[in-house]
N, C-alpha and C. Protein backbone atom coordinates (compact mmCIF):
# COMPACT_ATOMS: atom_id res chain seq x y z
N UNK A 1 80.00 -75.67 -163.89
CA UNK A 1 80.92 -75.22 -162.87
C UNK A 1 81.55 -76.42 -162.18
N UNK A 2 82.81 -76.32 -161.92
CA UNK A 2 83.55 -77.42 -161.33
C UNK A 2 83.52 -77.38 -159.82
N UNK A 3 83.59 -78.54 -159.24
CA UNK A 3 83.82 -78.69 -157.81
C UNK A 3 85.19 -79.32 -157.66
N UNK A 4 85.99 -78.75 -156.80
CA UNK A 4 87.37 -79.20 -156.60
C UNK A 4 87.50 -79.82 -155.22
N UNK A 5 88.32 -80.85 -155.12
CA UNK A 5 88.60 -81.51 -153.85
C UNK A 5 90.07 -81.32 -153.53
N UNK A 6 90.35 -80.92 -152.32
CA UNK A 6 91.72 -80.86 -151.83
C UNK A 6 91.93 -82.12 -151.01
N UNK A 7 92.83 -82.97 -151.49
CA UNK A 7 93.01 -84.30 -150.95
C UNK A 7 94.39 -84.44 -150.34
N UNK A 8 94.45 -85.03 -149.16
CA UNK A 8 95.72 -85.32 -148.50
C UNK A 8 95.92 -86.83 -148.47
N UNK A 9 97.07 -87.27 -148.94
CA UNK A 9 97.42 -88.70 -148.91
C UNK A 9 98.62 -88.85 -147.98
N UNK A 10 98.37 -89.42 -146.83
CA UNK A 10 99.40 -89.60 -145.81
C UNK A 10 99.96 -91.01 -145.92
N UNK A 11 101.26 -91.11 -145.90
CA UNK A 11 101.93 -92.41 -145.99
C UNK A 11 102.87 -92.56 -144.80
N UNK A 12 102.70 -93.64 -144.07
CA UNK A 12 103.53 -93.91 -142.89
C UNK A 12 104.10 -95.32 -143.00
N UNK A 13 105.40 -95.43 -142.83
CA UNK A 13 106.06 -96.73 -142.86
C UNK A 13 106.85 -96.90 -141.57
N UNK A 14 106.39 -97.77 -140.72
CA UNK A 14 107.12 -98.09 -139.48
C UNK A 14 108.21 -99.09 -139.83
N UNK A 15 109.26 -99.09 -139.05
CA UNK A 15 110.37 -100.01 -139.31
C UNK A 15 109.88 -101.45 -139.37
N UNK A 16 110.22 -102.12 -140.47
CA UNK A 16 109.88 -103.52 -140.63
C UNK A 16 108.43 -103.80 -140.97
N UNK A 17 107.63 -102.75 -141.19
CA UNK A 17 106.21 -102.95 -141.48
C UNK A 17 105.90 -102.49 -142.90
N UNK A 18 104.76 -102.92 -143.38
CA UNK A 18 104.29 -102.47 -144.69
C UNK A 18 103.81 -101.03 -144.59
N UNK A 19 103.96 -100.27 -145.68
CA UNK A 19 103.48 -98.87 -145.65
C UNK A 19 101.98 -98.81 -145.44
N UNK A 20 101.55 -97.83 -144.68
CA UNK A 20 100.13 -97.58 -144.44
C UNK A 20 99.77 -96.26 -145.11
N UNK A 21 98.68 -96.26 -145.88
CA UNK A 21 98.23 -95.05 -146.55
C UNK A 21 96.88 -94.63 -146.01
N UNK A 22 96.72 -93.34 -145.83
CA UNK A 22 95.45 -92.78 -145.39
C UNK A 22 95.13 -91.61 -146.32
N UNK A 23 93.97 -91.65 -146.96
CA UNK A 23 93.58 -90.58 -147.88
C UNK A 23 92.33 -89.91 -147.32
N UNK A 24 92.35 -88.58 -147.29
CA UNK A 24 91.19 -87.85 -146.81
C UNK A 24 90.97 -86.58 -147.63
N UNK A 25 89.72 -86.21 -147.76
CA UNK A 25 89.37 -84.93 -148.38
C UNK A 25 89.43 -83.90 -147.26
N UNK A 26 90.34 -82.94 -147.39
CA UNK A 26 90.47 -81.96 -146.31
C UNK A 26 89.67 -80.69 -146.58
N UNK A 27 89.29 -80.49 -147.84
CA UNK A 27 88.46 -79.33 -148.15
C UNK A 27 87.81 -79.54 -149.51
N UNK A 28 86.59 -79.04 -149.66
CA UNK A 28 85.89 -79.01 -150.94
C UNK A 28 85.80 -77.56 -151.37
N UNK A 29 86.14 -77.29 -152.62
CA UNK A 29 86.05 -75.94 -153.16
C UNK A 29 84.96 -75.96 -154.23
N UNK A 30 83.83 -75.34 -153.91
CA UNK A 30 82.69 -75.34 -154.82
C UNK A 30 82.26 -73.91 -155.08
N UNK A 31 81.12 -73.77 -155.69
CA UNK A 31 80.57 -72.43 -155.91
C UNK A 31 81.09 -71.76 -157.16
N UNK A 32 81.44 -72.56 -158.17
CA UNK A 32 81.85 -71.99 -159.44
C UNK A 32 83.25 -71.40 -159.44
N UNK A 33 84.09 -71.87 -158.56
CA UNK A 33 85.47 -71.37 -158.51
C UNK A 33 86.26 -71.89 -159.71
N UNK A 34 87.12 -71.05 -160.23
CA UNK A 34 88.00 -71.46 -161.32
C UNK A 34 89.13 -72.31 -160.76
N UNK A 35 89.87 -72.95 -161.65
CA UNK A 35 91.02 -73.75 -161.21
C UNK A 35 92.03 -72.88 -160.47
N UNK A 36 92.25 -71.67 -160.94
CA UNK A 36 93.21 -70.77 -160.30
C UNK A 36 92.76 -70.42 -158.87
N UNK A 37 91.46 -70.19 -158.69
CA UNK A 37 90.94 -69.91 -157.35
C UNK A 37 91.06 -71.14 -156.46
N UNK A 38 90.81 -72.30 -157.03
CA UNK A 38 90.95 -73.54 -156.27
C UNK A 38 92.41 -73.78 -155.89
N UNK A 39 93.34 -73.43 -156.77
CA UNK A 39 94.77 -73.57 -156.44
C UNK A 39 95.17 -72.66 -155.29
N UNK A 40 94.55 -71.48 -155.20
CA UNK A 40 94.81 -70.58 -154.07
C UNK A 40 94.32 -71.23 -152.77
N UNK A 41 93.17 -71.90 -152.83
CA UNK A 41 92.66 -72.62 -151.66
C UNK A 41 93.57 -73.79 -151.29
N UNK A 42 94.10 -74.45 -152.31
CA UNK A 42 95.05 -75.56 -152.08
C UNK A 42 96.26 -75.06 -151.31
N UNK A 43 96.78 -73.91 -151.70
CA UNK A 43 97.95 -73.33 -151.02
C UNK A 43 97.64 -73.08 -149.54
N UNK A 44 96.48 -72.48 -149.26
CA UNK A 44 96.10 -72.22 -147.87
C UNK A 44 95.97 -73.52 -147.08
N UNK A 45 95.34 -74.52 -147.70
CA UNK A 45 95.13 -75.80 -147.02
C UNK A 45 96.46 -76.49 -146.73
N UNK A 46 97.38 -76.44 -147.68
CA UNK A 46 98.67 -77.10 -147.51
C UNK A 46 99.47 -76.45 -146.39
N UNK A 47 99.39 -75.14 -146.27
CA UNK A 47 100.14 -74.43 -145.22
C UNK A 47 99.59 -74.71 -143.83
N UNK A 48 98.29 -75.02 -143.74
CA UNK A 48 97.69 -75.19 -142.41
C UNK A 48 97.43 -76.64 -142.03
N UNK A 49 97.49 -77.57 -142.97
CA UNK A 49 97.17 -78.97 -142.67
C UNK A 49 98.29 -79.65 -141.88
N UNK A 50 97.91 -80.30 -140.80
CA UNK A 50 98.86 -81.07 -139.99
C UNK A 50 98.43 -82.53 -140.03
N UNK A 51 99.18 -83.37 -140.76
CA UNK A 51 98.84 -84.80 -140.80
C UNK A 51 98.94 -85.42 -139.40
N UNK A 52 98.10 -86.40 -139.14
CA UNK A 52 98.10 -87.06 -137.83
C UNK A 52 99.49 -87.55 -137.43
N UNK A 53 100.21 -88.12 -138.39
CA UNK A 53 101.52 -88.70 -138.07
C UNK A 53 102.59 -87.65 -137.83
N UNK A 54 102.31 -86.38 -138.11
CA UNK A 54 103.30 -85.32 -137.89
C UNK A 54 102.88 -84.33 -136.81
N UNK A 55 101.84 -84.67 -136.05
CA UNK A 55 101.44 -83.80 -134.94
C UNK A 55 102.53 -83.80 -133.89
N UNK A 56 102.89 -82.62 -133.44
CA UNK A 56 103.94 -82.49 -132.44
C UNK A 56 105.34 -82.56 -133.02
N UNK A 57 105.46 -82.65 -134.34
CA UNK A 57 106.76 -82.74 -135.00
C UNK A 57 106.96 -81.48 -135.84
N UNK A 58 108.14 -80.94 -135.82
CA UNK A 58 108.44 -79.80 -136.67
C UNK A 58 108.40 -80.27 -138.13
N UNK A 59 107.71 -79.52 -138.98
CA UNK A 59 107.52 -79.98 -140.35
C UNK A 59 107.80 -78.85 -141.35
N UNK A 60 107.96 -79.22 -142.59
CA UNK A 60 108.19 -78.28 -143.67
C UNK A 60 107.21 -78.60 -144.79
N UNK A 61 106.74 -77.56 -145.49
CA UNK A 61 105.82 -77.73 -146.61
C UNK A 61 106.53 -77.25 -147.86
N UNK A 62 106.49 -78.09 -148.90
CA UNK A 62 107.12 -77.72 -150.16
C UNK A 62 106.19 -77.97 -151.33
N UNK A 63 106.34 -77.13 -152.36
CA UNK A 63 105.52 -77.29 -153.57
C UNK A 63 106.27 -78.13 -154.59
N UNK A 64 105.57 -79.10 -155.16
CA UNK A 64 106.14 -79.98 -156.18
C UNK A 64 105.97 -79.31 -157.56
N UNK A 65 106.66 -79.84 -158.55
CA UNK A 65 106.61 -79.29 -159.90
C UNK A 65 105.23 -79.31 -160.53
N UNK A 66 104.36 -80.20 -160.09
CA UNK A 66 103.01 -80.28 -160.67
C UNK A 66 102.00 -79.40 -159.93
N UNK A 67 102.46 -78.61 -158.95
CA UNK A 67 101.58 -77.73 -158.20
C UNK A 67 101.04 -78.33 -156.91
N UNK A 68 101.31 -79.60 -156.68
CA UNK A 68 100.88 -80.23 -155.43
C UNK A 68 101.90 -79.89 -154.33
N UNK A 69 101.58 -80.29 -153.11
CA UNK A 69 102.43 -79.97 -151.97
C UNK A 69 102.83 -81.23 -151.22
N UNK A 70 103.97 -81.17 -150.57
CA UNK A 70 104.45 -82.24 -149.68
C UNK A 70 104.61 -81.65 -148.29
N UNK A 71 104.14 -82.37 -147.30
CA UNK A 71 104.38 -82.03 -145.89
C UNK A 71 105.31 -83.11 -145.36
N UNK A 72 106.48 -82.70 -144.90
CA UNK A 72 107.52 -83.64 -144.48
C UNK A 72 108.08 -83.24 -143.13
N UNK A 73 108.67 -84.20 -142.40
CA UNK A 73 109.33 -83.83 -141.14
C UNK A 73 110.51 -82.90 -141.46
N UNK A 74 110.62 -81.82 -140.71
CA UNK A 74 111.67 -80.82 -140.96
C UNK A 74 113.07 -81.41 -140.83
N UNK A 75 113.21 -82.39 -139.98
CA UNK A 75 114.52 -83.00 -139.75
C UNK A 75 114.95 -83.85 -140.95
N UNK A 76 114.01 -84.18 -141.81
CA UNK A 76 114.33 -85.07 -142.94
C UNK A 76 114.41 -86.52 -142.54
N UNK A 77 114.17 -86.78 -141.26
CA UNK A 77 114.20 -88.16 -140.76
C UNK A 77 112.79 -88.61 -140.44
N UNK A 78 112.58 -89.87 -140.54
CA UNK A 78 111.27 -90.41 -140.22
C UNK A 78 110.72 -91.20 -141.38
N UNK A 79 109.58 -91.76 -141.17
CA UNK A 79 108.98 -92.65 -142.14
C UNK A 79 107.58 -92.18 -142.52
N UNK A 80 107.39 -90.87 -142.59
CA UNK A 80 106.07 -90.35 -142.89
C UNK A 80 106.15 -89.21 -143.89
N UNK A 81 105.11 -89.08 -144.69
CA UNK A 81 104.99 -87.96 -145.61
C UNK A 81 103.52 -87.75 -145.90
N UNK A 82 103.19 -86.56 -146.39
CA UNK A 82 101.82 -86.25 -146.75
C UNK A 82 101.84 -85.47 -148.06
N UNK A 83 101.12 -85.96 -149.04
CA UNK A 83 101.02 -85.34 -150.35
C UNK A 83 99.65 -84.70 -150.47
N UNK A 84 99.61 -83.38 -150.69
CA UNK A 84 98.33 -82.66 -150.76
C UNK A 84 98.18 -82.15 -152.19
N UNK A 85 97.04 -82.47 -152.80
CA UNK A 85 96.84 -82.07 -154.19
C UNK A 85 95.38 -81.71 -154.45
N UNK A 86 95.19 -81.07 -155.60
CA UNK A 86 93.86 -80.65 -156.03
C UNK A 86 93.38 -81.59 -157.12
N UNK A 87 92.14 -82.06 -156.96
CA UNK A 87 91.55 -82.88 -158.02
C UNK A 87 90.15 -82.35 -158.33
N UNK A 88 89.74 -82.54 -159.56
CA UNK A 88 88.42 -82.10 -159.97
C UNK A 88 87.42 -83.23 -159.76
N UNK A 89 86.33 -82.91 -159.08
CA UNK A 89 85.29 -83.92 -158.86
C UNK A 89 84.47 -84.06 -160.13
N UNK A 90 84.26 -85.30 -160.54
CA UNK A 90 83.47 -85.55 -161.76
C UNK A 90 82.17 -86.25 -161.43
């Protein structure tokens, strides 16, 4: 049985500074869940996760072609993004 990790990778670039990356496991999906069940958990996590750099900012969540999600500032302006994806723990 697989254990799945829902991982958020936050990237923040301040003007004139090097990009800063922060990676965190926001949820573990265990208990013999299938990939499809884990993807359903990924969807829930992506809709509710608020990256530190986007707290207090209106944001939008979008699904990428590979099934992962992006959390971005709704205005489209700013230097921050958060990529949320599912990975299998080995």
